[in-house]
Amino acid sequence: MNYDYLVVGAGLYGATFAQKAKECGKSVLVIDKRNHIAGNIYTEEQEKINVHIYGAHIFHTNNTEVWNYLNRFTVFNRFTNSPVANYNGELYSLPFNMYTFNKMWGVVTPQEAADKIEQQRREAGITEPKNLEEQAISLVGKDIFEKLIKGYTEKQWGRDCKDLPAFIIKRLPVRLTFDNNYFNALYQGIPVGGYTQMVEHMLDGIEVRLGEDYLANKEMYDGMADRIIYTGPIDAYFDYKLGTLQYRSVRFENECLDIPNFQGNAAVNYTDRETPWTRIIEHKWFEFGKDSEGNDIPKTIISREYSSEWKPGDEPYYPVNDAENTELYAKYKELADKVPNVKFGGRLGEYKYYDMDAVVASALDFCRQELG
């Protein structure tokens, strides 16, 4: 035994545990099968722009402990997520707020907007929403559902809105104010210098080996440490013997443009069904002000995102937490609970759609149990 802990995966969960374990005087080895740290929050500098290689990640939380913890390793800027919806060239504000309602219906007061939504909800005859479509119409009315939700959601999930559970849309902010901030979070921002730099600081002084495939050499790695912290896919750990858990995956089409400003915003969602991509990210606006700083860089980098059904070999992004997959995960968890000296953690290890702050909170909770 060379180490107290072997951490499989250098993403947020693994980095948080490794940092706290080292702080407690434990010996730790972190391995990752990729050639970089930071998992899916990995950012890479290109043309003086920190590009979110695995899609946009905007940190937001109401958890003061998590916020204070991460601020030990980075400084967050004041980025506020205010996406724009593009429906066949018509631009609308997201989240749904008074700007959206005014553009959609010409209403001016919150009462007029509320009356319009209520009218459309009544006309649809919805009392107890049974699926995403009914939930969306009851929240914002039929017009907004048809233009700004239906096409985007069906591209994102590859399923008809009537076949998706209502809870997916419940956390969508709807405001009868002119507040353009997508998140209801006390703290929000992007790490100055990118997420990779933040994770580098977390892993400072800890041995990290990249390009190391734990599952390909499991017996050897298990012999190197007293305890294993495993953050990979739980079904892969058991060689998929009960079946494969489903995910949605995302494909990115990146382009470097010889102009300083492509869309004037970090995120524009394409909500019509005909446009094949779900959104375009313009990376520079995560870290630069929209006036002078960003335009001083003569180029810009954009990413078109295409959602797809996951298949082996693809990157798993969003767990499909429907009844069938939840039942299968429960069976894998039963197996996992019987594996001595291995902790399954993080988005893939727990088959859970975690926001970044929840990943860190989960890791910190486990550190308290494990490390005292």
Protein backbone atom coordinates (compact mmCIF):
# COMPACT_ATOMS: atom_id res chain seq x y z
CA MET A 1 0.00 0.00 0.00
CA ASN A 2 1.65 3.21 -1.16
CA TYR A 3 -1.19 5.69 -0.46
CA ASP A 4 -4.00 6.23 2.00
CA TYR A 5 -6.32 7.18 -0.86
CA LEU A 6 -6.50 6.61 -4.58
CA VAL A 7 -8.86 9.12 -6.20
CA VAL A 8 -10.17 8.03 -9.60
CA GLY A 9 -11.09 11.16 -11.55
CA ALA A 10 -9.63 14.68 -11.34
CA GLY A 11 -12.96 16.50 -11.64
CA LEU A 12 -14.59 18.62 -8.95
CA TYR A 13 -15.56 15.77 -6.63
CA GLY A 14 -12.17 14.09 -6.85
CA ALA A 15 -10.23 17.34 -6.52
CA THR A 16 -12.26 18.43 -3.48
CA PHE A 17 -11.73 15.13 -1.68
CA ALA A 18 -8.03 14.97 -2.58
CA GLN A 19 -7.43 18.52 -1.33
CA LYS A 20 -9.19 17.92 1.99
CA ALA A 21 -7.47 14.55 2.50
CA LYS A 22 -4.05 16.11 1.90
CA GLU A 23 -4.96 18.90 4.31
CA CYS A 24 -5.63 16.20 6.92
CA GLY A 25 -2.17 14.74 6.37
CA LYS A 26 -3.23 11.79 4.23
CA SER A 27 -1.21 10.51 1.27
CA VAL A 28 -3.22 10.78 -1.95
CA LEU A 29 -2.78 9.76 -5.58
CA VAL A 30 -5.19 11.16 -8.18
CA ILE A 31 -5.51 9.46 -11.56
CA ASP A 32 -7.57 10.33 -14.62
CA LYS A 33 -7.89 8.54 -17.95
CA ARG A 34 -8.03 11.87 -19.79
CA ASN A 35 -4.88 13.86 -20.54
CA HIS A 36 -6.04 16.79 -18.40
CA ILE A 37 -7.44 17.58 -14.96
CA ALA A 38 -10.77 19.27 -14.10
CA GLY A 39 -13.15 16.79 -15.77
CA ASN A 40 -15.96 18.40 -17.70
CA ILE A 41 -15.24 21.87 -16.31
CA TYR A 42 -11.88 21.85 -18.10
CA THR A 43 -11.08 25.15 -19.79
CA GLU A 44 -8.30 25.70 -22.30
CA GLU A 45 -6.84 29.04 -23.38
CA GLN A 46 -7.15 29.72 -27.12
CA GLU A 47 -6.62 33.16 -28.69
CA LYS A 48 -6.40 34.60 -25.12
CA ILE A 49 -9.91 33.23 -24.44
CA ASN A 50 -10.63 30.49 -21.89
CA VAL A 51 -12.72 28.02 -23.88
CA HIS A 52 -15.13 25.70 -22.01
CA ILE A 53 -14.15 22.52 -23.86
CA TYR A 54 -17.04 20.39 -22.55
CA GLY A 55 -19.73 23.07 -22.71
CA ALA A 56 -20.62 26.14 -20.70
CA HIS A 57 -20.21 25.93 -16.94
CA ILE A 58 -21.48 28.86 -14.89
CA PHE A 59 -20.92 28.57 -11.18
CA HIS A 60 -23.87 29.55 -8.98
CA THR A 61 -24.81 28.63 -5.43
CA ASN A 62 -26.67 29.60 -2.28
CA ASN A 63 -24.28 27.47 -0.25
CA THR A 64 -21.94 29.80 1.64
CA GLU A 65 -19.67 26.95 2.76
CA VAL A 66 -19.08 25.84 -0.84
CA TRP A 67 -18.56 29.43 -2.02
CA ASN A 68 -16.03 30.17 0.71
CA TYR A 69 -14.24 26.89 0.08
CA LEU A 70 -13.74 27.48 -3.66
CA ASN A 71 -12.70 31.08 -3.07
CA ARG A 72 -9.61 29.66 -1.39
CA PHE A 73 -8.45 28.55 -4.86
CA THR A 74 -9.74 31.22 -7.24
CA VAL A 75 -11.30 34.66 -7.58
CA PHE A 76 -14.73 34.65 -9.23
CA ASN A 77 -15.71 37.43 -11.60
CA ARG A 78 -19.19 38.96 -11.56
CA PHE A 79 -20.57 37.15 -14.61
CA THR A 80 -24.38 36.96 -14.53
CA ASN A 81 -26.11 34.39 -16.71
CA SER A 82 -28.63 36.20 -18.92
CA PRO A 83 -29.22 33.98 -21.96
CA VAL A 84 -31.15 35.03 -25.05
CA ALA A 85 -33.65 32.89 -26.96
CA ASN A 86 -33.62 33.01 -30.77
CA TYR A 87 -36.84 31.77 -32.39
CA ASN A 88 -36.49 32.05 -36.17
CA GLY A 89 -34.70 35.38 -35.79
CA GLU A 90 -36.97 36.76 -33.05
CA LEU A 91 -34.97 37.44 -29.87
CA TYR A 92 -36.47 36.94 -26.40
CA SER A 93 -35.13 37.33 -22.89
CA LEU A 94 -34.43 34.27 -20.75
CA PRO A 95 -35.37 33.55 -18.04
CA PHE A 96 -39.01 34.35 -18.78
CA ASN A 97 -39.63 37.81 -17.38
CA MET A 98 -41.39 41.08 -18.22
CA TYR A 99 -39.08 41.67 -21.20
CA THR A 100 -40.19 38.28 -22.60
CA PHE A 101 -43.88 38.92 -21.95
CA ASN A 102 -43.75 42.41 -23.46
CA LYS A 103 -42.08 41.12 -26.63
CA MET A 104 -44.45 38.15 -26.90
CA TRP A 105 -47.77 39.86 -26.12
CA GLY A 106 -47.19 43.62 -25.88
CA VAL A 107 -48.19 43.60 -22.19
CA VAL A 108 -46.68 46.31 -20.01
CA THR A 109 -47.67 45.51 -16.42
CA PRO A 110 -47.10 42.37 -14.34
CA GLN A 111 -50.87 42.00 -13.89
CA GLU A 112 -51.42 42.00 -17.65
CA ALA A 113 -48.75 39.30 -18.04
CA ALA A 114 -50.24 37.19 -15.23
CA ASP A 115 -53.73 37.52 -16.74
CA LYS A 116 -52.45 36.40 -20.16
CA ILE A 117 -50.73 33.33 -18.71
CA GLU A 118 -53.82 32.44 -16.67
CA GLN A 119 -56.07 32.83 -19.72
CA GLN A 120 -53.91 30.48 -21.80
CA ARG A 121 -53.67 27.98 -18.96
CA ARG A 122 -57.47 27.92 -18.63
CA GLU A 123 -57.95 27.58 -22.40
CA ALA A 124 -55.63 24.53 -22.34
CA GLY A 125 -57.79 23.00 -19.58
CA ILE A 126 -54.82 22.05 -17.39
CA THR A 127 -55.42 21.53 -13.68
CA GLU A 128 -52.86 18.90 -12.62
CA PRO A 129 -49.91 18.90 -15.08
CA LYS A 130 -49.01 15.32 -16.01
CA ASN A 131 -46.01 15.96 -18.26
CA LEU A 132 -43.53 18.63 -19.29
CA GLU A 133 -45.81 20.16 -21.93
CA GLU A 134 -48.70 20.63 -19.50
CA GLN A 135 -46.37 21.92 -16.78
CA ALA A 136 -44.83 24.47 -19.15
CA ILE A 137 -48.20 25.74 -20.42
CA SER A 138 -49.46 26.12 -16.84
CA LEU A 139 -46.33 28.12 -15.96
CA VAL A 140 -46.03 30.47 -18.96
CA GLY A 141 -48.91 29.86 -21.36
CA LYS A 142 -49.22 28.21 -24.78
CA ASP A 143 -47.48 30.92 -26.88
CA ILE A 144 -44.26 30.85 -24.91
CA PHE A 145 -44.34 27.05 -24.73
CA GLU A 146 -44.71 26.78 -28.53
CA LYS A 147 -41.98 29.31 -29.37
CA LEU A 148 -39.43 29.12 -26.58
CA ILE A 149 -39.74 25.71 -24.88
CA LYS A 150 -41.08 22.97 -27.16
CA GLY A 151 -38.45 22.89 -29.93
CA TYR A 152 -35.49 23.46 -27.63
CA THR A 153 -36.59 20.80 -25.13
CA GLU A 154 -37.29 18.18 -27.79
CA LYS A 155 -33.85 18.77 -29.33
CA GLN A 156 -32.24 18.62 -25.90
CA TRP A 157 -33.88 15.38 -24.74
CA GLY A 158 -34.70 13.67 -28.05
CA ARG A 159 -38.24 13.07 -26.84
CA ASP A 160 -41.65 14.70 -27.28
CA CYS A 161 -42.54 17.12 -24.47
CA LYS A 162 -45.60 14.98 -23.69
CA ASP A 163 -43.24 12.07 -22.94
CA LEU A 164 -41.03 13.98 -20.50
CA PRO A 165 -41.72 14.33 -16.75
CA ALA A 166 -43.11 17.63 -15.47
CA PHE A 167 -40.32 18.12 -12.90
CA ILE A 168 -37.72 18.91 -15.60
CA ILE A 169 -39.30 22.31 -16.24
CA LYS A 170 -40.34 23.14 -12.67
CA ARG A 171 -37.06 24.82 -11.79
CA LEU A 172 -37.27 27.17 -14.77
CA PRO A 173 -37.46 30.76 -13.44
CA VAL A 174 -40.61 32.73 -14.35
CA ARG A 175 -40.59 36.32 -13.12
CA LEU A 176 -43.13 39.14 -13.26
CA THR A 177 -40.21 41.57 -12.97
CA PHE A 178 -37.49 42.85 -15.30
CA ASP A 179 -34.82 40.67 -13.64
CA ASN A 180 -32.63 39.08 -16.35
CA ASN A 181 -30.55 36.91 -14.00
CA TYR A 182 -31.24 33.27 -14.88
CA PHE A 183 -30.21 31.89 -11.50
CA ASN A 184 -31.83 32.54 -8.13
CA ALA A 185 -28.43 32.30 -6.47
CA LEU A 186 -26.74 34.41 -3.84
CA TYR A 187 -23.31 33.77 -5.40
CA GLN A 188 -22.50 33.53 -9.11
CA GLY A 189 -19.51 33.91 -11.40
CA ILE A 190 -16.73 32.37 -13.47
CA PRO A 191 -13.24 31.72 -12.06
CA VAL A 192 -10.83 34.39 -13.30
CA GLY A 193 -8.24 32.49 -15.37
CA GLY A 194 -10.63 29.59 -16.00
CA TYR A 195 -11.77 26.47 -14.16
CA THR A 196 -8.62 24.50 -14.99
CA GLN A 197 -6.50 26.99 -13.04
CA MET A 198 -8.87 26.70 -10.07
CA VAL A 199 -8.58 22.89 -10.02
CA GLU A 200 -4.78 23.16 -10.44
CA HIS A 201 -4.71 25.21 -7.23
CA MET A 202 -6.90 22.62 -5.46
CA LEU A 203 -4.53 19.82 -6.49
CA ASP A 204 -1.37 21.76 -5.63
CA GLY A 205 1.17 19.43 -3.98
CA ILE A 206 -0.86 16.29 -4.75
CA GLU A 207 0.47 13.58 -7.05
CA VAL A 208 -1.63 13.44 -10.23
CA ARG A 209 -1.18 10.93 -13.07
CA LEU A 210 -3.02 11.53 -16.34
CA GLY A 211 -3.83 9.07 -19.12
CA GLU A 212 -4.34 6.33 -16.51
CA ASP A 213 -7.34 4.02 -17.04
CA TYR A 214 -8.38 2.66 -13.65
CA LEU A 215 -10.85 0.09 -14.98
CA ALA A 216 -8.28 -1.34 -17.43
CA ASN A 217 -5.85 -2.06 -14.55
CA LYS A 218 -8.20 -2.23 -11.59
CA GLU A 219 -6.43 -4.94 -9.63
CA MET A 220 -3.11 -3.12 -9.78
CA TYR A 221 -4.61 0.22 -8.72
CA ASP A 222 -6.66 -1.33 -5.93
CA GLY A 223 -3.43 -2.65 -4.46
CA MET A 224 -1.91 0.84 -4.31
CA ALA A 225 -4.15 2.38 -1.64
CA ASP A 226 -6.20 1.58 1.47
CA ARG A 227 -9.29 3.35 0.10
CA ILE A 228 -10.57 4.16 -3.38
CA ILE A 229 -12.65 7.25 -4.23
CA TYR A 230 -14.25 6.36 -7.56
CA THR A 231 -15.94 9.12 -9.62
CA GLY A 232 -16.38 7.27 -12.92
CA PRO A 233 -19.61 5.70 -14.25
CA ILE A 234 -21.03 3.27 -11.71
CA ASP A 235 -22.24 0.81 -14.37
CA ALA A 236 -18.79 0.75 -16.01
CA TYR A 237 -17.23 -0.18 -12.64
CA PHE A 238 -19.33 -3.35 -12.66
CA ASP A 239 -18.67 -3.96 -16.37
CA TYR A 240 -22.31 -3.15 -17.22
CA LYS A 241 -23.38 -6.55 -15.94
CA LEU A 242 -26.89 -5.36 -15.04
CA GLY A 243 -27.28 -3.25 -18.19
CA THR A 244 -26.23 0.21 -19.37
CA LEU A 245 -27.47 3.41 -17.73
CA GLN A 246 -28.67 6.00 -20.23
CA TYR A 247 -27.35 9.53 -20.69
CA ARG A 248 -27.84 12.41 -23.05
CA SER A 249 -24.63 13.46 -24.75
CA VAL A 250 -23.56 16.71 -26.43
CA ARG A 251 -21.46 17.28 -29.52
CA PHE A 252 -19.64 20.59 -29.99
CA GLU A 253 -18.78 22.30 -33.25
CA ASN A 254 -16.16 24.95 -32.48
CA GLU A 255 -15.23 27.84 -34.71
CA CYS A 256 -12.67 30.64 -34.38
CA LEU A 257 -13.90 33.79 -36.14
CA ASP A 258 -11.87 36.79 -37.27
CA ILE A 259 -14.30 39.24 -35.67
CA PRO A 260 -14.34 40.57 -32.11
CA ASN A 261 -18.03 39.92 -31.42
CA PHE A 262 -20.35 37.29 -32.91
CA GLN A 263 -23.56 37.44 -30.85
CA GLY A 264 -22.92 39.91 -28.02
CA ASN A 265 -23.80 37.38 -25.33
CA ALA A 266 -22.30 34.25 -23.78
CA ALA A 267 -25.31 32.04 -24.57
CA VAL A 268 -28.03 32.18 -27.24
CA ASN A 269 -30.57 29.32 -27.25
CA TYR A 270 -32.09 28.36 -30.60
CA THR A 271 -35.63 27.37 -29.69
CA ASP A 272 -37.12 26.50 -33.09
CA ARG A 273 -37.19 22.83 -34.05
CA GLU A 274 -35.61 23.39 -37.49
CA THR A 275 -32.23 24.73 -36.30
CA PRO A 276 -30.19 21.58 -35.58
CA TRP A 277 -28.15 22.98 -32.68
CA THR A 278 -29.62 23.81 -29.28
CA ARG A 279 -27.47 26.85 -28.54
CA ILE A 280 -24.36 28.81 -29.45
CA ILE A 281 -21.84 29.73 -26.77
CA GLU A 282 -19.47 32.67 -27.30
CA HIS A 283 -16.76 31.95 -24.77
CA LYS A 284 -15.10 35.33 -24.40
CA TRP A 285 -18.20 36.87 -22.78
CA PHE A 286 -17.84 34.61 -19.74
CA GLU A 287 -14.75 36.51 -18.67
CA PHE A 288 -14.60 39.84 -20.48
CA GLY A 289 -16.80 42.90 -20.17
CA LYS A 290 -18.94 43.51 -23.23
CA ASP A 291 -17.59 47.02 -23.82
CA SER A 292 -13.85 47.39 -24.26
CA GLU A 293 -12.02 44.35 -22.86
CA GLY A 294 -13.59 41.67 -25.03
CA ASN A 295 -13.46 43.74 -28.20
CA ASP A 296 -9.74 44.36 -27.65
CA ILE A 297 -9.28 40.69 -28.60
CA PRO A 298 -9.75 40.73 -32.39
CA LYS A 299 -11.04 37.15 -32.60
CA THR A 300 -13.85 35.23 -30.98
CA ILE A 301 -14.53 31.52 -30.44
CA ILE A 302 -18.01 30.04 -30.65
CA SER A 303 -19.38 26.55 -29.99
CA ARG A 304 -22.55 25.17 -31.51
CA GLU A 305 -24.07 22.48 -29.28
CA TYR A 306 -25.89 19.43 -30.63
CA SER A 307 -27.71 17.15 -28.22
CA SER A 308 -27.77 13.39 -28.87
CA GLU A 309 -28.58 10.06 -27.31
CA TRP A 310 -25.52 8.64 -25.55
CA LYS A 311 -23.86 5.50 -26.86
CA PRO A 312 -20.70 3.75 -25.65
CA GLY A 313 -17.68 5.83 -26.60
CA ASP A 314 -19.55 9.14 -26.26
CA GLU A 315 -19.07 11.49 -23.34
CA PRO A 316 -21.93 11.01 -20.82
CA TYR A 317 -23.37 14.40 -19.84
CA TYR A 318 -26.92 14.27 -18.48
CA PRO A 319 -28.26 11.21 -16.65
CA VAL A 320 -31.72 10.24 -17.93
CA ASN A 321 -33.36 9.99 -14.51
CA ASP A 322 -36.59 8.35 -15.66
CA ALA A 323 -38.22 5.43 -13.81
CA GLU A 324 -36.39 2.72 -15.76
CA ASN A 325 -32.91 4.19 -15.25
CA THR A 326 -33.59 5.10 -11.63
CA GLU A 327 -34.53 1.49 -10.96
CA LEU A 328 -31.39 0.21 -12.69
CA TYR A 329 -29.20 2.67 -10.77
CA ALA A 330 -30.72 1.45 -7.48
CA LYS A 331 -29.58 -2.09 -8.34
CA TYR A 332 -26.05 -0.87 -9.10
CA LYS A 333 -26.03 1.09 -5.84
CA GLU A 334 -26.88 -2.10 -3.96
CA LEU A 335 -23.78 -3.69 -5.49
CA ALA A 336 -21.68 -0.58 -4.79
CA ASP A 337 -22.66 -0.55 -1.11
CA LYS A 338 -21.21 -4.04 -0.76
CA VAL A 339 -17.79 -3.16 -2.23
CA PRO A 340 -15.38 -2.72 0.68
CA ASN A 341 -13.10 0.33 0.77
CA VAL A 342 -14.61 2.01 -2.32
CA LYS A 343 -16.66 5.23 -2.25
CA PHE A 344 -18.72 6.05 -5.37
CA GLY A 345 -19.12 9.79 -5.75
CA GLY A 346 -19.93 12.59 -8.18
CA ARG A 347 -22.23 12.90 -11.18
CA LEU A 348 -21.26 9.57 -12.78
CA GLY A 349 -20.59 7.61 -9.61
CA GLU A 350 -24.01 8.55 -8.20
CA TYR A 351 -25.84 8.81 -11.56
CA LYS A 352 -27.17 12.22 -10.59
CA TYR A 353 -27.65 15.47 -12.45
CA TYR A 354 -25.51 17.59 -10.13
CA ASP A 355 -24.86 21.30 -10.44
CA MET A 356 -21.23 22.14 -9.66
CA ASP A 357 -21.94 23.47 -6.18
CA ALA A 358 -23.85 20.29 -5.28
CA VAL A 359 -20.85 18.17 -6.36
CA VAL A 360 -18.57 20.14 -4.04
CA ALA A 361 -21.14 20.06 -1.21
CA SER A 362 -21.49 16.28 -1.57
CA ALA A 363 -17.69 15.85 -1.50
CA LEU A 364 -17.34 18.08 1.56
CA ASP A 365 -20.07 16.12 3.37
CA PHE A 366 -18.27 12.88 2.63
CA CYS A 367 -14.95 14.41 3.80
CA ARG A 368 -16.56 15.14 7.17
CA GLN A 369 -17.65 11.51 7.51
CA GLU A 370 -14.39 10.05 6.21
CA LEU A 371 -11.75 12.44 7.52
CA GLY A 372 -13.43 13.87 10.60
